[in-house]
N, C-alpha and C. Protein backbone atom coordinates (compact mmCIF):
# COMPACT_ATOMS: atom_id res chain seq x y z
N UNK A 1 -7.86 10.23 23.99
CA UNK A 1 -7.84 9.35 25.15
C UNK A 1 -6.84 8.21 24.95
N UNK A 2 -6.87 7.58 23.77
CA UNK A 2 -5.94 6.48 23.50
C UNK A 2 -4.49 6.95 23.50
N UNK A 3 -4.27 8.17 23.03
CA UNK A 3 -2.91 8.72 23.05
C UNK A 3 -2.44 8.89 24.49
N UNK A 4 -3.32 9.35 25.35
CA UNK A 4 -2.96 9.51 26.77
C UNK A 4 -2.65 8.16 27.41
N UNK A 5 -3.46 7.16 27.10
CA UNK A 5 -3.21 5.82 27.64
C UNK A 5 -1.87 5.28 27.17
N UNK A 6 -1.56 5.51 25.89
CA UNK A 6 -0.29 5.04 25.35
C UNK A 6 0.87 5.75 26.03
N UNK A 7 0.73 7.05 26.24
CA UNK A 7 1.78 7.81 26.90
C UNK A 7 2.03 7.29 28.31
N UNK A 8 0.97 6.98 29.03
CA UNK A 8 1.12 6.44 30.38
C UNK A 8 1.79 5.07 30.35
N UNK A 9 1.41 4.24 29.38
CA UNK A 9 2.05 2.92 29.25
C UNK A 9 3.54 3.06 28.99
N UNK A 10 3.90 4.11 28.26
CA UNK A 10 5.31 4.33 27.93
C UNK A 10 6.05 5.09 29.02
N UNK A 11 5.38 5.41 30.10
CA UNK A 11 6.04 6.05 31.23
C UNK A 11 6.13 7.56 31.15
N UNK A 12 5.28 8.19 30.31
CA UNK A 12 5.31 9.64 30.16
C UNK A 12 4.20 10.28 30.99
N UNK A 13 4.52 11.39 31.64
CA UNK A 13 3.55 12.08 32.49
C UNK A 13 2.77 13.15 31.75
N UNK A 14 3.29 13.60 30.61
CA UNK A 14 2.65 14.68 29.88
C UNK A 14 2.54 14.32 28.41
N UNK A 15 1.52 14.89 27.77
CA UNK A 15 1.34 14.72 26.34
C UNK A 15 0.82 16.03 25.77
N UNK A 16 1.24 16.36 24.56
CA UNK A 16 0.78 17.58 23.89
C UNK A 16 0.15 17.19 22.56
N UNK A 17 -1.09 17.62 22.36
CA UNK A 17 -1.83 17.33 21.13
C UNK A 17 -2.27 18.67 20.55
N UNK A 18 -1.83 18.98 19.35
CA UNK A 18 -2.08 20.32 18.82
C UNK A 18 -3.57 20.66 18.76
N UNK A 19 -4.41 19.71 18.35
CA UNK A 19 -5.83 20.01 18.20
C UNK A 19 -6.53 20.24 19.54
N UNK A 20 -5.91 19.78 20.62
CA UNK A 20 -6.50 19.93 21.96
C UNK A 20 -5.83 21.03 22.78
N UNK A 21 -4.56 21.25 22.54
CA UNK A 21 -3.77 22.11 23.43
C UNK A 21 -3.58 23.53 22.93
N UNK A 22 -4.04 23.83 21.73
CA UNK A 22 -3.98 25.20 21.22
C UNK A 22 -5.37 25.81 21.30
N UNK A 23 -5.51 26.88 22.06
CA UNK A 23 -6.79 27.56 22.18
C UNK A 23 -6.95 28.49 20.98
N UNK A 24 -7.70 28.04 20.00
CA UNK A 24 -7.83 28.79 18.75
C UNK A 24 -8.65 30.06 18.89
N UNK A 25 -9.24 30.26 20.06
CA UNK A 25 -10.00 31.50 20.28
C UNK A 25 -9.09 32.65 20.72
N UNK A 26 -7.81 32.35 20.97
CA UNK A 26 -6.86 33.36 21.41
C UNK A 26 -5.79 33.52 20.32
N UNK A 27 -5.89 34.54 19.47
CA UNK A 27 -4.98 34.68 18.33
C UNK A 27 -3.51 34.67 18.71
N UNK A 28 -3.14 35.34 19.80
CA UNK A 28 -1.72 35.41 20.15
C UNK A 28 -1.18 34.04 20.54
N UNK A 29 -2.04 33.20 21.15
CA UNK A 29 -1.58 31.86 21.50
C UNK A 29 -1.42 31.00 20.25
N UNK A 30 -2.35 31.14 19.32
CA UNK A 30 -2.23 30.41 18.05
C UNK A 30 -0.92 30.77 17.37
N UNK A 31 -0.64 32.08 17.29
CA UNK A 31 0.60 32.52 16.65
C UNK A 31 1.83 32.00 17.38
N UNK A 32 1.81 32.06 18.69
CA UNK A 32 2.95 31.58 19.48
C UNK A 32 3.17 30.09 19.26
N UNK A 33 2.11 29.32 19.28
CA UNK A 33 2.25 27.87 19.13
C UNK A 33 2.66 27.48 17.71
N UNK A 34 2.15 28.18 16.72
CA UNK A 34 2.54 27.89 15.34
C UNK A 34 4.03 28.15 15.15
N UNK A 35 4.52 29.23 15.72
CA UNK A 35 5.94 29.56 15.58
C UNK A 35 6.83 28.69 16.46
N UNK A 36 6.25 28.01 17.43
CA UNK A 36 7.03 27.17 18.35
C UNK A 36 6.85 25.68 18.11
N UNK A 37 5.91 25.31 17.25
CA UNK A 37 5.52 23.91 17.14
C UNK A 37 6.66 23.00 16.73
N UNK A 38 7.50 23.45 15.81
CA UNK A 38 8.63 22.63 15.38
C UNK A 38 9.54 22.34 16.57
N UNK A 39 9.75 23.33 17.42
CA UNK A 39 10.57 23.13 18.62
C UNK A 39 9.91 22.17 19.59
N UNK A 40 8.58 22.23 19.68
CA UNK A 40 7.87 21.27 20.54
C UNK A 40 8.18 19.85 20.10
N UNK A 41 8.07 19.61 18.80
CA UNK A 41 8.32 18.26 18.28
C UNK A 41 9.80 17.89 18.41
N UNK A 42 10.67 18.85 18.15
CA UNK A 42 12.11 18.58 18.24
C UNK A 42 12.49 18.16 19.66
N UNK A 43 11.91 18.80 20.65
CA UNK A 43 12.26 18.54 22.05
C UNK A 43 11.46 17.40 22.67
N UNK A 44 10.55 16.83 21.91
CA UNK A 44 9.73 15.74 22.45
C UNK A 44 10.54 14.46 22.58
N UNK A 45 10.12 13.61 23.50
CA UNK A 45 10.74 12.29 23.65
C UNK A 45 10.29 11.39 22.51
N UNK A 46 9.02 11.49 22.15
CA UNK A 46 8.47 10.66 21.09
C UNK A 46 7.24 11.35 20.52
N UNK A 47 6.96 11.11 19.26
CA UNK A 47 5.75 11.61 18.62
C UNK A 47 4.90 10.41 18.20
N UNK A 48 3.65 10.38 18.65
CA UNK A 48 2.73 9.32 18.26
C UNK A 48 1.95 9.75 17.02
N UNK A 49 1.93 8.91 16.01
CA UNK A 49 1.15 9.18 14.80
C UNK A 49 0.02 8.15 14.72
N UNK A 50 -1.19 8.65 14.73
CA UNK A 50 -2.36 7.77 14.66
C UNK A 50 -2.90 7.78 13.23
N UNK A 51 -2.74 6.66 12.53
CA UNK A 51 -3.21 6.54 11.16
C UNK A 51 -4.63 5.98 11.20
N UNK A 52 -5.60 6.87 11.33
CA UNK A 52 -6.98 6.43 11.53
C UNK A 52 -7.58 5.72 10.33
N UNK A 53 -6.95 5.87 9.16
CA UNK A 53 -7.46 5.21 7.96
C UNK A 53 -6.59 4.03 7.53
N UNK A 54 -5.75 3.54 8.43
CA UNK A 54 -4.88 2.41 8.11
C UNK A 54 -5.27 1.22 8.97
N UNK A 55 -5.85 0.21 8.33
CA UNK A 55 -6.22 -1.01 9.03
C UNK A 55 -5.82 -2.21 8.18
N UNK A 56 -4.60 -2.74 8.38
CA UNK A 56 -4.16 -3.90 7.61
C UNK A 56 -5.10 -5.08 7.82
N UNK A 57 -5.24 -5.88 6.78
CA UNK A 57 -6.14 -7.02 6.84
C UNK A 57 -5.43 -8.30 7.22
N UNK A 58 -4.13 -8.20 7.47
CA UNK A 58 -3.38 -9.38 7.89
C UNK A 58 -2.95 -10.27 6.75
N UNK A 59 -3.10 -9.79 5.51
CA UNK A 59 -2.74 -10.61 4.35
C UNK A 59 -1.53 -10.05 3.61
N UNK A 60 -0.98 -8.95 4.10
CA UNK A 60 0.14 -8.31 3.44
C UNK A 60 1.47 -8.80 3.99
N UNK A 61 2.45 -8.84 3.12
CA UNK A 61 3.82 -8.97 3.60
C UNK A 61 4.21 -7.62 4.20
N UNK A 62 5.27 -7.59 5.00
CA UNK A 62 5.65 -6.35 5.69
C UNK A 62 5.87 -5.21 4.71
N UNK A 63 6.56 -5.47 3.60
CA UNK A 63 6.83 -4.41 2.62
C UNK A 63 5.53 -3.87 2.04
N UNK A 64 4.56 -4.76 1.79
CA UNK A 64 3.28 -4.31 1.25
C UNK A 64 2.49 -3.51 2.28
N UNK A 65 2.60 -3.90 3.54
CA UNK A 65 1.93 -3.15 4.60
C UNK A 65 2.47 -1.73 4.68
N UNK A 66 3.78 -1.60 4.53
CA UNK A 66 4.39 -0.27 4.55
C UNK A 66 3.84 0.59 3.43
N UNK A 67 3.77 0.03 2.22
CA UNK A 67 3.27 0.79 1.08
C UNK A 67 1.80 1.16 1.29
N UNK A 68 1.04 0.25 1.84
CA UNK A 68 -0.37 0.50 2.11
C UNK A 68 -0.52 1.61 3.15
N UNK A 69 0.28 1.52 4.21
CA UNK A 69 0.23 2.53 5.27
C UNK A 69 0.62 3.90 4.78
N UNK A 70 1.55 3.96 3.83
CA UNK A 70 2.01 5.24 3.30
C UNK A 70 0.92 5.96 2.51
N UNK A 71 -0.17 5.27 2.19
CA UNK A 71 -1.27 5.90 1.48
C UNK A 71 -2.24 6.60 2.43
N UNK A 72 -1.95 6.54 3.72
CA UNK A 72 -2.79 7.23 4.70
C UNK A 72 -2.83 8.73 4.41
N UNK A 73 -3.96 9.35 4.67
CA UNK A 73 -4.07 10.79 4.44
C UNK A 73 -3.12 11.58 5.34
N UNK A 74 -2.63 10.96 6.40
CA UNK A 74 -1.68 11.65 7.29
C UNK A 74 -0.47 12.12 6.50
N UNK A 75 -0.07 11.35 5.50
CA UNK A 75 1.11 11.69 4.71
C UNK A 75 0.82 12.75 3.65
N UNK A 76 -0.40 13.23 3.58
CA UNK A 76 -0.76 14.26 2.60
C UNK A 76 -1.02 15.62 3.24
N UNK A 77 -0.94 15.70 4.57
CA UNK A 77 -1.29 16.92 5.27
C UNK A 77 -0.08 17.82 5.49
N UNK A 78 -0.30 19.12 5.43
CA UNK A 78 0.80 20.06 5.59
C UNK A 78 1.40 20.07 6.98
N UNK A 79 0.54 20.11 8.00
CA UNK A 79 1.04 20.22 9.37
C UNK A 79 1.77 18.97 9.84
N UNK A 80 1.50 17.82 9.22
CA UNK A 80 2.15 16.59 9.68
C UNK A 80 3.59 16.48 9.20
N UNK A 81 4.00 17.36 8.29
CA UNK A 81 5.37 17.31 7.80
C UNK A 81 6.37 17.50 8.93
N UNK A 82 6.14 18.47 9.80
CA UNK A 82 7.07 18.68 10.90
C UNK A 82 6.96 17.57 11.95
N UNK A 83 5.79 16.95 12.06
CA UNK A 83 5.65 15.81 12.97
C UNK A 83 6.51 14.64 12.51
N UNK A 84 6.66 14.53 11.20
CA UNK A 84 7.47 13.45 10.63
C UNK A 84 8.96 13.72 10.76
N UNK A 85 9.36 14.98 10.60
CA UNK A 85 10.78 15.30 10.49
C UNK A 85 11.44 15.72 11.80
N UNK A 86 10.74 16.46 12.64
CA UNK A 86 11.39 17.07 13.81
C UNK A 86 11.68 16.13 14.97
N UNK A 87 10.78 15.22 15.34
CA UNK A 87 11.04 14.40 16.54
C UNK A 87 12.17 13.40 16.33
N UNK A 88 12.83 13.05 17.41
CA UNK A 88 13.88 12.03 17.33
C UNK A 88 13.29 10.65 17.16
N UNK A 89 12.07 10.45 17.65
CA UNK A 89 11.38 9.17 17.52
C UNK A 89 9.93 9.42 17.11
N UNK A 90 9.50 8.73 16.07
CA UNK A 90 8.11 8.81 15.61
C UNK A 90 7.56 7.40 15.55
N UNK A 91 6.47 7.15 16.26
CA UNK A 91 5.87 5.82 16.31
C UNK A 91 4.49 5.86 15.66
N UNK A 92 4.27 4.95 14.74
CA UNK A 92 3.04 4.92 13.96
C UNK A 92 2.09 3.84 14.47
N UNK A 93 0.83 4.23 14.70
CA UNK A 93 -0.20 3.32 15.18
C UNK A 93 -1.31 3.21 14.13
N UNK A 94 -1.89 2.01 14.02
CA UNK A 94 -2.98 1.85 13.06
C UNK A 94 -4.30 2.30 13.68
N UNK A 95 -5.40 2.06 12.97
CA UNK A 95 -6.70 2.56 13.41
C UNK A 95 -7.16 1.98 14.74
N UNK A 96 -6.59 0.86 15.14
CA UNK A 96 -6.93 0.24 16.43
C UNK A 96 -5.91 0.56 17.52
N UNK A 97 -5.09 1.55 17.26
CA UNK A 97 -4.04 1.94 18.20
C UNK A 97 -3.07 0.79 18.50
N UNK A 98 -2.77 0.03 17.45
CA UNK A 98 -1.74 -1.00 17.54
C UNK A 98 -0.47 -0.45 16.91
N UNK A 99 0.62 -0.52 17.64
CA UNK A 99 1.89 0.01 17.14
C UNK A 99 2.34 -0.78 15.93
N UNK A 100 2.63 -0.07 14.84
CA UNK A 100 3.07 -0.74 13.63
C UNK A 100 4.54 -0.49 13.30
N UNK A 101 4.98 0.75 13.34
CA UNK A 101 6.36 1.05 12.98
C UNK A 101 6.90 2.19 13.83
N UNK A 102 8.21 2.26 13.85
CA UNK A 102 8.92 3.47 14.25
C UNK A 102 9.47 4.07 12.96
N UNK A 103 9.68 5.37 12.96
CA UNK A 103 10.19 6.02 11.75
C UNK A 103 11.45 5.35 11.24
N UNK A 104 12.30 4.90 12.13
CA UNK A 104 13.57 4.29 11.71
C UNK A 104 13.36 2.98 10.97
N UNK A 105 12.15 2.39 11.07
CA UNK A 105 11.87 1.12 10.41
C UNK A 105 11.42 1.29 8.97
N UNK A 106 11.16 2.52 8.55
CA UNK A 106 10.54 2.74 7.25
C UNK A 106 11.51 2.57 6.09
N UNK A 107 12.81 2.71 6.37
CA UNK A 107 13.82 2.39 5.37
C UNK A 107 13.67 3.15 4.07
N UNK A 108 13.95 2.47 2.96
CA UNK A 108 13.98 3.11 1.65
C UNK A 108 12.60 3.50 1.14
N UNK A 109 11.56 2.95 1.73
CA UNK A 109 10.22 3.19 1.19
C UNK A 109 9.73 4.60 1.47
N UNK A 110 10.28 5.24 2.49
CA UNK A 110 9.76 6.55 2.89
C UNK A 110 10.14 7.65 1.90
N UNK A 111 11.26 7.51 1.20
CA UNK A 111 11.67 8.55 0.25
C UNK A 111 10.71 8.66 -0.92
N UNK A 112 10.42 7.56 -1.65
CA UNK A 112 9.47 7.70 -2.76
C UNK A 112 8.05 8.03 -2.30
N UNK A 113 7.70 7.64 -1.09
CA UNK A 113 6.35 7.90 -0.60
C UNK A 113 6.14 9.36 -0.24
N UNK A 114 7.19 10.03 0.21
CA UNK A 114 7.07 11.42 0.66
C UNK A 114 7.74 12.43 -0.26
N UNK A 115 8.64 11.95 -1.12
CA UNK A 115 9.40 12.87 -1.96
C UNK A 115 10.53 13.56 -1.23
N UNK A 116 10.82 13.11 -0.02
CA UNK A 116 11.88 13.70 0.79
C UNK A 116 13.07 12.76 0.81
N UNK A 117 14.27 13.21 0.42
CA UNK A 117 15.44 12.34 0.46
C UNK A 117 15.64 11.71 1.83
N UNK A 118 15.99 10.45 1.82
CA UNK A 118 16.07 9.69 3.07
C UNK A 118 17.01 10.33 4.08
N UNK A 119 18.07 10.97 3.62
CA UNK A 119 19.05 11.52 4.56
C UNK A 119 18.43 12.55 5.49
N UNK A 120 17.33 13.19 5.06
CA UNK A 120 16.72 14.22 5.89
C UNK A 120 15.81 13.64 6.97
N UNK A 121 15.65 12.34 6.99
CA UNK A 121 14.93 11.72 8.10
C UNK A 121 15.85 11.54 9.29
N UNK A 122 17.13 11.82 9.09
CA UNK A 122 18.03 12.11 10.20
C UNK A 122 17.92 13.61 10.41
N UNK A 123 17.22 14.01 11.43
CA UNK A 123 16.83 15.41 11.58
C UNK A 123 18.00 16.37 11.64
N UNK A 124 19.17 15.89 12.01
CA UNK A 124 20.34 16.77 12.07
C UNK A 124 20.74 17.26 10.69
N UNK A 125 20.33 16.55 9.64
CA UNK A 125 20.69 16.93 8.28
C UNK A 125 19.77 17.99 7.69
N UNK A 126 18.63 18.23 8.35
CA UNK A 126 17.65 19.16 7.78
C UNK A 126 18.22 20.57 7.68
N UNK A 127 19.04 20.94 8.65
CA UNK A 127 19.61 22.30 8.63
C UNK A 127 20.45 22.54 7.37
N UNK A 128 20.98 21.47 6.79
CA UNK A 128 21.83 21.61 5.61
C UNK A 128 21.07 21.68 4.30
N UNK A 129 19.76 21.51 4.34
CA UNK A 129 18.96 21.56 3.12
C UNK A 129 18.72 23.00 2.69
N UNK A 130 18.70 23.24 1.38
CA UNK A 130 18.41 24.56 0.85
C UNK A 130 16.95 24.93 1.16
N UNK A 131 16.70 26.22 1.23
CA UNK A 131 15.36 26.71 1.52
C UNK A 131 14.35 26.17 0.52
N UNK A 132 14.67 26.26 -0.76
CA UNK A 132 13.72 25.81 -1.78
C UNK A 132 13.49 24.31 -1.73
N UNK A 133 14.51 23.55 -1.34
CA UNK A 133 14.32 22.11 -1.20
C UNK A 133 13.34 21.81 -0.07
N UNK A 134 13.51 22.48 1.06
CA UNK A 134 12.58 22.28 2.17
C UNK A 134 11.15 22.62 1.76
N UNK A 135 11.00 23.72 1.03
CA UNK A 135 9.67 24.13 0.61
C UNK A 135 9.05 23.13 -0.35
N UNK A 136 9.88 22.49 -1.16
CA UNK A 136 9.36 21.52 -2.13
C UNK A 136 8.74 20.31 -1.45
N UNK A 137 9.13 20.03 -0.22
CA UNK A 137 8.59 18.86 0.48
C UNK A 137 7.10 19.01 0.77
N UNK A 138 6.58 20.22 0.73
CA UNK A 138 5.17 20.44 1.08
C UNK A 138 4.28 20.70 -0.13
N UNK A 139 4.85 20.64 -1.32
CA UNK A 139 4.11 21.04 -2.52
C UNK A 139 2.78 20.30 -2.67
N UNK A 140 2.77 19.00 -2.48
CA UNK A 140 1.55 18.22 -2.69
C UNK A 140 0.75 18.00 -1.42
N UNK A 141 1.13 18.67 -0.34
CA UNK A 141 0.41 18.50 0.92
C UNK A 141 -0.72 19.53 1.04
N UNK A 142 -1.74 19.17 1.78
CA UNK A 142 -2.93 19.99 1.88
C UNK A 142 -3.13 20.51 3.30
N UNK A 143 -3.77 21.65 3.39
CA UNK A 143 -4.16 22.21 4.70
C UNK A 143 -5.60 22.69 4.61
N UNK A 144 -6.27 22.72 5.74
CA UNK A 144 -7.66 23.16 5.75
C UNK A 144 -7.76 24.65 5.45
N UNK A 145 -6.88 25.44 6.07
CA UNK A 145 -6.85 26.87 5.82
C UNK A 145 -5.73 27.18 4.83
N UNK A 146 -6.00 27.99 3.81
CA UNK A 146 -4.99 28.24 2.78
C UNK A 146 -3.69 28.84 3.32
N UNK A 147 -3.78 29.70 4.32
CA UNK A 147 -2.58 30.33 4.87
C UNK A 147 -1.65 29.31 5.52
N UNK A 148 -2.22 28.21 5.98
CA UNK A 148 -1.40 27.21 6.68
C UNK A 148 -0.40 26.53 5.76
N UNK A 149 -0.59 26.60 4.47
CA UNK A 149 0.41 26.04 3.56
C UNK A 149 1.75 26.76 3.74
N UNK A 150 1.70 28.03 4.08
CA UNK A 150 2.92 28.79 4.38
C UNK A 150 3.31 28.63 5.84
N UNK A 151 2.35 28.75 6.74
CA UNK A 151 2.65 28.72 8.17
C UNK A 151 3.24 27.38 8.61
N UNK A 152 2.81 26.28 7.99
CA UNK A 152 3.30 24.96 8.42
C UNK A 152 4.77 24.75 8.10
N UNK A 153 5.35 25.64 7.31
CA UNK A 153 6.77 25.52 6.93
C UNK A 153 7.70 26.32 7.83
N UNK A 154 7.17 27.16 8.68
CA UNK A 154 8.01 28.11 9.42
C UNK A 154 9.11 27.41 10.21
N UNK A 155 8.76 26.43 11.02
CA UNK A 155 9.76 25.76 11.84
C UNK A 155 10.78 25.01 11.02
N UNK A 156 10.33 24.35 9.97
CA UNK A 156 11.25 23.60 9.10
C UNK A 156 12.23 24.54 8.43
N UNK A 157 11.75 25.74 8.08
CA UNK A 157 12.61 26.72 7.44
C UNK A 157 13.47 27.50 8.43
N UNK A 158 13.15 27.37 9.70
CA UNK A 158 13.95 28.05 10.72
C UNK A 158 13.66 29.52 10.87
N UNK A 159 12.42 29.92 10.58
CA UNK A 159 12.04 31.33 10.70
C UNK A 159 10.73 31.44 11.48
N UNK A 160 10.42 32.65 11.90
CA UNK A 160 9.14 32.94 12.54
C UNK A 160 8.51 34.14 11.84
N UNK A 161 7.19 34.21 11.91
CA UNK A 161 6.52 35.40 11.40
C UNK A 161 5.11 35.47 11.97
N UNK A 162 4.52 36.63 11.89
CA UNK A 162 3.18 36.86 12.40
C UNK A 162 2.17 36.08 11.57
N UNK A 163 1.19 35.47 12.23
CA UNK A 163 0.13 34.77 11.50
C UNK A 163 -1.06 35.70 11.35
N UNK A 164 -1.63 35.70 10.15
CA UNK A 164 -2.77 36.58 9.86
C UNK A 164 -3.82 35.78 9.08
N UNK A 165 -4.61 35.00 9.80
CA UNK A 165 -5.63 34.22 9.12
C UNK A 165 -6.65 35.13 8.46
N UNK A 166 -6.96 34.78 7.21
CA UNK A 166 -7.82 35.61 6.39
C UNK A 166 -7.05 36.35 5.32
N UNK A 167 -5.71 36.35 5.42
CA UNK A 167 -4.90 37.07 4.43
C UNK A 167 -4.82 36.32 3.10
N UNK A 168 -5.08 35.02 3.10
CA UNK A 168 -4.99 34.23 1.88
C UNK A 168 -3.61 33.64 1.69
N UNK A 169 -3.56 32.59 0.89
CA UNK A 169 -2.31 31.85 0.68
C UNK A 169 -1.25 32.70 -0.02
N UNK A 170 -1.66 33.44 -1.04
CA UNK A 170 -0.69 34.22 -1.82
C UNK A 170 0.03 35.25 -0.96
N UNK A 171 -0.73 35.98 -0.16
CA UNK A 171 -0.10 37.00 0.68
C UNK A 171 0.76 36.36 1.76
N UNK A 172 0.31 35.22 2.30
CA UNK A 172 1.10 34.53 3.32
C UNK A 172 2.46 34.11 2.76
N UNK A 173 2.46 33.59 1.53
CA UNK A 173 3.73 33.20 0.92
C UNK A 173 4.57 34.41 0.54
N UNK A 174 3.92 35.51 0.19
CA UNK A 174 4.68 36.72 -0.12
C UNK A 174 5.40 37.23 1.13
N UNK A 175 4.72 37.20 2.25
CA UNK A 175 5.36 37.62 3.49
C UNK A 175 6.46 36.64 3.90
N UNK A 176 6.20 35.35 3.68
CA UNK A 176 7.22 34.35 3.99
C UNK A 176 8.45 34.55 3.12
N UNK A 177 8.23 34.88 1.86
CA UNK A 177 9.35 35.16 0.96
C UNK A 177 10.22 36.28 1.51
N UNK A 178 9.59 37.34 1.99
CA UNK A 178 10.35 38.48 2.51
C UNK A 178 11.14 38.10 3.76
N UNK A 179 10.54 37.27 4.62
CA UNK A 179 11.24 36.80 5.81
C UNK A 179 12.44 35.95 5.42
N UNK A 180 12.25 35.08 4.44
CA UNK A 180 13.34 34.20 4.00
C UNK A 180 14.46 34.99 3.33
N UNK A 181 14.09 36.00 2.56
CA UNK A 181 15.10 36.83 1.90
C UNK A 181 15.98 37.53 2.92
N UNK A 182 15.37 37.97 3.99
CA UNK A 182 16.13 38.64 5.04
C UNK A 182 16.98 37.65 5.83
N UNK A 183 16.44 36.46 6.07
CA UNK A 183 17.15 35.48 6.90
C UNK A 183 18.25 34.75 6.14
N UNK A 184 18.03 34.50 4.84
CA UNK A 184 18.99 33.71 4.05
C UNK A 184 19.30 34.39 2.72
N UNK A 185 19.88 35.58 2.75
CA UNK A 185 20.11 36.33 1.51
C UNK A 185 21.05 35.63 0.54
N UNK A 186 21.96 34.82 1.03
CA UNK A 186 22.95 34.19 0.16
C UNK A 186 22.39 33.00 -0.62
N UNK A 187 21.18 32.57 -0.30
CA UNK A 187 20.61 31.41 -1.00
C UNK A 187 19.93 31.79 -2.30
N UNK A 188 19.83 33.08 -2.61
CA UNK A 188 19.19 33.51 -3.84
C UNK A 188 20.27 34.00 -4.80
N UNK A 189 20.99 33.09 -5.40
CA UNK A 189 22.14 33.46 -6.22
C UNK A 189 21.82 33.48 -7.71
N UNK A 190 21.16 32.43 -8.20
CA UNK A 190 20.98 32.30 -9.64
C UNK A 190 19.64 32.83 -10.12
N UNK A 191 18.67 32.94 -9.22
CA UNK A 191 17.35 33.44 -9.60
C UNK A 191 16.86 34.40 -8.53
N UNK A 192 15.78 35.08 -8.85
CA UNK A 192 15.23 36.01 -7.87
C UNK A 192 14.49 35.23 -6.79
N UNK A 193 14.26 35.83 -5.63
CA UNK A 193 13.50 35.15 -4.58
C UNK A 193 12.12 34.68 -5.06
N UNK A 194 11.44 35.53 -5.84
CA UNK A 194 10.12 35.15 -6.35
C UNK A 194 10.20 33.87 -7.17
N UNK A 195 11.18 33.79 -8.06
CA UNK A 195 11.30 32.62 -8.92
C UNK A 195 11.67 31.38 -8.11
N UNK A 196 12.58 31.55 -7.16
CA UNK A 196 13.00 30.43 -6.33
C UNK A 196 11.83 29.81 -5.59
N UNK A 197 11.00 30.66 -5.02
CA UNK A 197 9.90 30.17 -4.21
C UNK A 197 8.70 29.77 -5.06
N UNK A 198 8.28 30.62 -5.97
CA UNK A 198 7.06 30.36 -6.70
C UNK A 198 7.18 29.20 -7.68
N UNK A 199 8.36 28.86 -8.13
CA UNK A 199 8.49 27.77 -9.09
C UNK A 199 8.19 26.42 -8.46
N UNK A 200 8.15 26.34 -7.12
CA UNK A 200 7.87 25.06 -6.50
C UNK A 200 6.45 24.98 -5.95
N UNK A 201 5.68 26.04 -6.06
CA UNK A 201 4.33 26.04 -5.49
C UNK A 201 3.32 25.49 -6.49
């Protein structure tokens, strides 16, 4: 509800929320949305990030507030990686829905907090990153379903594949490996595809 109110205040007529707008009872829709989600964020005007566990006490300097906010569980989730990287504008709100930052305000602090080189927060540079580098960005991130550790990377990696919940994380990554090998054969020069991918998991 608060996200809708914020969207209206900002002059937007529509809002898309993954937890509300994906009908998880329809497998084909889940698969379609998972494979399209990165494009949804890329084409969005703005992405709102609600840090429900971030409530500054008003005693921090701005730099300290940033470090405190970066400890939010939002920064540890697998699916939020594309929310951070794909949109042209990302606005962060605290637990009271008070706007705290835009992604462009995070400066040098975002690289050590996420492990992602700052240059890739300019989304146009993401295409130039190696496959294994992109995959490394999700190593310490968590997902509720084990398969989602692989599925949440599809858009960032620039590939699509069938989703099969229940297959397990290992098989999901094995299938992802095969898709990547076919899509980017020249990126496996010094090691085998298995070594390239599995060494970062």
